C-alpha cells in the first residue's frame, strides 16, 4: 500500500492571533454565561432574556472553539 502525504495549510496566523482567538473563545464559553447575565440582572432585564443571552454566548464560544480546532489553527 502506498501512503499519501497530506499537507496542512495552517495559514499565516501569528502567535498573538492564535492566543487571542483562544482567549476570546474561552471568555465566550466561561464568562459569557456567568458574568453577562449577572450584569444584565443589575440592569433589571428579564430572567428569560438573561438565560437566552448566556446560552447563546456559550454556544457561540463552543462553535468558535470547534472552528479553531477544525481549521488546525491550534491543535487539541
N, C-alpha and C. Protein backbone atom coordinates (compact mmCIF):
# COMPACT_ATOMS: atom_id res chain seq x y z
N UNK A 1 0.83 -1.17 0.00
CA UNK A 1 0.00 0.00 0.00
C UNK A 1 0.88 1.24 0.00
N UNK A 2 0.38 2.24 -0.65
CA UNK A 2 1.12 3.49 -0.76
C UNK A 2 0.55 4.52 0.20
N UNK A 3 1.42 5.16 0.95
CA UNK A 3 0.96 6.22 1.84
C UNK A 3 0.93 7.52 1.06
N UNK A 4 -0.10 8.28 1.29
CA UNK A 4 -0.20 9.58 0.64
C UNK A 4 0.18 10.66 1.64
N UNK A 5 0.84 11.68 1.14
CA UNK A 5 1.24 12.78 2.00
C UNK A 5 0.10 13.78 2.10
N UNK A 6 -0.14 14.22 3.28
CA UNK A 6 -1.17 15.23 3.48
C UNK A 6 -0.49 16.52 3.91
N UNK A 7 -0.81 17.57 3.20
CA UNK A 7 -0.28 18.87 3.59
C UNK A 7 -1.36 19.64 4.31
N UNK A 8 -0.98 20.27 5.37
CA UNK A 8 -1.91 21.05 6.17
C UNK A 8 -1.54 22.51 6.01
N UNK A 9 -2.49 23.29 5.55
CA UNK A 9 -2.28 24.71 5.39
C UNK A 9 -2.71 25.41 6.67
N UNK A 10 -1.75 25.73 7.50
CA UNK A 10 -2.04 26.35 8.78
C UNK A 10 -2.39 27.82 8.60
N UNK A 11 -1.92 28.42 7.55
CA UNK A 11 -2.20 29.83 7.32
C UNK A 11 -1.09 30.68 7.91
N UNK A 12 -1.28 31.95 7.81
CA UNK A 12 -0.26 32.87 8.30
C UNK A 12 -0.70 33.52 9.59
N UNK A 13 -1.15 32.71 10.52
CA UNK A 13 -1.57 33.23 11.81
C UNK A 13 -0.36 33.39 12.72
N UNK A 14 -0.22 34.56 13.31
CA UNK A 14 0.86 34.78 14.25
C UNK A 14 0.51 34.16 15.60
N UNK A 15 1.48 34.07 16.47
CA UNK A 15 1.22 33.52 17.80
C UNK A 15 0.24 34.39 18.56
N UNK A 16 0.34 35.70 18.39
CA UNK A 16 -0.57 36.61 19.07
C UNK A 16 -2.00 36.40 18.60
N UNK A 17 -2.20 36.18 17.30
CA UNK A 17 -3.54 35.94 16.77
C UNK A 17 -4.10 34.62 17.31
N UNK A 18 -3.29 33.59 17.35
CA UNK A 18 -3.73 32.29 17.87
C UNK A 18 -4.13 32.40 19.34
N UNK A 19 -3.30 33.08 20.12
CA UNK A 19 -3.59 33.25 21.54
C UNK A 19 -4.86 34.08 21.73
N UNK A 20 -5.00 35.13 20.94
CA UNK A 20 -6.19 35.99 21.04
C UNK A 20 -7.46 35.23 20.70
N UNK A 21 -7.40 34.41 19.66
CA UNK A 21 -8.57 33.62 19.28
C UNK A 21 -8.95 32.65 20.39
N UNK A 22 -7.96 32.06 21.03
CA UNK A 22 -8.23 31.11 22.11
C UNK A 22 -8.81 31.83 23.33
N UNK A 23 -8.28 32.99 23.66
CA UNK A 23 -8.78 33.74 24.81
C UNK A 23 -10.21 34.19 24.57
N UNK A 24 -10.51 34.66 23.37
CA UNK A 24 -11.88 35.08 23.04
C UNK A 24 -12.83 33.89 23.17
N UNK A 25 -12.41 32.75 22.68
CA UNK A 25 -13.24 31.55 22.77
C UNK A 25 -13.50 31.17 24.22
N UNK A 26 -12.47 31.19 25.04
CA UNK A 26 -12.64 30.83 26.45
C UNK A 26 -13.50 31.85 27.20
N UNK A 27 -13.35 33.13 26.87
CA UNK A 27 -14.20 34.15 27.50
C UNK A 27 -15.67 33.94 27.15
N UNK A 28 -15.92 33.60 25.89
CA UNK A 28 -17.30 33.34 25.48
C UNK A 28 -17.87 32.12 26.19
N UNK A 29 -17.04 31.09 26.36
CA UNK A 29 -17.53 29.85 26.96
C UNK A 29 -17.75 30.02 28.47
N UNK A 30 -16.79 30.63 29.16
CA UNK A 30 -16.86 30.67 30.62
C UNK A 30 -17.46 31.96 31.17
N UNK A 31 -17.03 33.11 30.67
CA UNK A 31 -17.51 34.37 31.22
C UNK A 31 -18.86 34.77 30.63
N UNK A 32 -19.14 34.35 29.42
CA UNK A 32 -20.40 34.72 28.77
C UNK A 32 -21.63 34.27 29.53
N UNK A 33 -21.74 33.01 29.89
CA UNK A 33 -22.94 32.56 30.59
C UNK A 33 -23.00 32.95 32.07
N UNK A 34 -21.91 33.49 32.64
CA UNK A 34 -21.96 33.82 34.06
C UNK A 34 -22.03 35.33 34.30
N UNK A 35 -21.07 36.06 33.80
CA UNK A 35 -20.97 37.48 34.14
C UNK A 35 -21.91 38.37 33.33
N UNK A 36 -22.17 38.02 32.10
CA UNK A 36 -23.09 38.85 31.29
C UNK A 36 -24.51 38.80 31.86
N UNK A 37 -25.08 37.63 32.16
CA UNK A 37 -26.40 37.63 32.80
C UNK A 37 -26.40 38.30 34.18
N UNK A 38 -25.29 38.18 34.91
CA UNK A 38 -25.20 38.85 36.20
C UNK A 38 -25.29 40.37 36.03
N UNK A 39 -24.56 40.89 35.04
CA UNK A 39 -24.62 42.32 34.77
C UNK A 39 -26.01 42.72 34.28
N UNK A 40 -26.63 41.86 33.49
CA UNK A 40 -27.97 42.16 32.98
C UNK A 40 -29.00 42.17 34.11
N UNK A 41 -28.78 41.37 35.15
CA UNK A 41 -29.73 41.35 36.27
C UNK A 41 -29.69 42.67 37.03
N UNK A 42 -28.53 43.29 37.08
CA UNK A 42 -28.42 44.58 37.75
C UNK A 42 -29.04 45.70 36.92
N UNK A 43 -29.20 45.46 35.63
CA UNK A 43 -29.87 46.44 34.77
C UNK A 43 -31.38 46.25 34.76
N UNK A 44 -31.85 45.20 35.42
CA UNK A 44 -33.28 44.96 35.52
C UNK A 44 -33.88 44.24 34.31
N UNK A 45 -33.06 43.48 33.59
CA UNK A 45 -33.54 42.76 32.41
C UNK A 45 -34.13 41.42 32.86
N UNK A 46 -35.17 40.98 32.17
CA UNK A 46 -35.91 39.77 32.48
C UNK A 46 -34.98 38.55 32.56
N UNK A 47 -35.31 37.60 33.43
CA UNK A 47 -34.50 36.39 33.63
C UNK A 47 -34.43 35.50 32.41
N UNK A 48 -35.52 35.45 31.63
CA UNK A 48 -35.51 34.62 30.42
C UNK A 48 -34.54 35.17 29.38
N UNK A 49 -34.47 36.49 29.29
CA UNK A 49 -33.53 37.12 28.36
C UNK A 49 -32.10 36.84 28.81
N UNK A 50 -31.87 36.91 30.11
CA UNK A 50 -30.54 36.62 30.64
C UNK A 50 -30.11 35.20 30.30
N UNK A 51 -31.01 34.26 30.49
CA UNK A 51 -30.71 32.87 30.18
C UNK A 51 -30.46 32.67 28.70
N UNK A 52 -31.25 33.32 27.87
CA UNK A 52 -31.07 33.21 26.43
C UNK A 52 -29.75 33.78 25.96
N UNK A 53 -29.40 34.93 26.48
CA UNK A 53 -28.12 35.56 26.10
C UNK A 53 -26.95 34.72 26.60
N UNK A 54 -27.02 34.24 27.84
CA UNK A 54 -25.95 33.40 28.38
C UNK A 54 -25.78 32.11 27.59
N UNK A 55 -26.88 31.47 27.26
CA UNK A 55 -26.81 30.24 26.47
C UNK A 55 -26.28 30.48 25.07
N UNK A 56 -26.68 31.60 24.48
CA UNK A 56 -26.20 31.93 23.14
C UNK A 56 -24.70 32.19 23.14
N UNK A 57 -24.21 32.93 24.13
CA UNK A 57 -22.77 33.17 24.22
C UNK A 57 -22.00 31.88 24.42
N UNK A 58 -22.55 30.96 25.21
CA UNK A 58 -21.90 29.67 25.41
C UNK A 58 -21.81 28.89 24.10
N UNK A 59 -22.90 28.82 23.36
CA UNK A 59 -22.92 28.08 22.10
C UNK A 59 -21.98 28.73 21.08
N UNK A 60 -21.96 30.05 21.02
CA UNK A 60 -21.05 30.74 20.10
C UNK A 60 -19.60 30.45 20.47
N UNK A 61 -19.29 30.42 21.76
CA UNK A 61 -17.93 30.10 22.20
C UNK A 61 -17.52 28.69 21.83
N UNK A 62 -18.43 27.73 22.00
CA UNK A 62 -18.14 26.35 21.63
C UNK A 62 -17.93 26.23 20.12
N UNK A 63 -18.79 26.88 19.34
CA UNK A 63 -18.64 26.82 17.88
C UNK A 63 -17.35 27.48 17.43
N UNK A 64 -16.97 28.58 18.07
CA UNK A 64 -15.71 29.24 17.72
C UNK A 64 -14.52 28.35 18.06
N UNK A 65 -14.57 27.67 19.21
CA UNK A 65 -13.51 26.75 19.58
C UNK A 65 -13.42 25.58 18.60
N UNK A 66 -14.57 25.04 18.19
CA UNK A 66 -14.57 23.96 17.21
C UNK A 66 -14.01 24.42 15.87
N UNK A 67 -14.31 25.65 15.49
CA UNK A 67 -13.76 26.21 14.24
C UNK A 67 -12.24 26.31 14.32
N UNK A 68 -11.74 26.79 15.47
CA UNK A 68 -10.29 26.93 15.64
C UNK A 68 -9.61 25.57 15.56
N UNK A 69 -10.18 24.56 16.19
CA UNK A 69 -9.58 23.23 16.18
C UNK A 69 -9.74 22.58 14.80
N UNK A 70 -10.89 22.78 14.15
CA UNK A 70 -11.14 22.17 12.85
C UNK A 70 -10.20 22.72 11.78
N UNK A 71 -9.93 24.00 11.83
CA UNK A 71 -9.04 24.62 10.83
C UNK A 71 -7.57 24.45 11.19
N UNK A 72 -7.31 23.70 12.28
CA UNK A 72 -5.96 23.41 12.75
C UNK A 72 -5.17 24.67 13.05
N UNK A 73 -5.87 25.70 13.51
CA UNK A 73 -5.20 26.90 13.96
C UNK A 73 -4.46 26.59 15.26
N UNK A 74 -5.13 25.79 16.10
CA UNK A 74 -4.47 25.20 17.26
C UNK A 74 -4.74 23.70 17.19
N UNK A 75 -3.98 22.95 17.92
CA UNK A 75 -4.20 21.51 17.94
C UNK A 75 -4.75 21.11 19.29
N UNK A 76 -5.68 20.18 19.26
CA UNK A 76 -6.30 19.76 20.51
C UNK A 76 -5.53 18.60 21.11
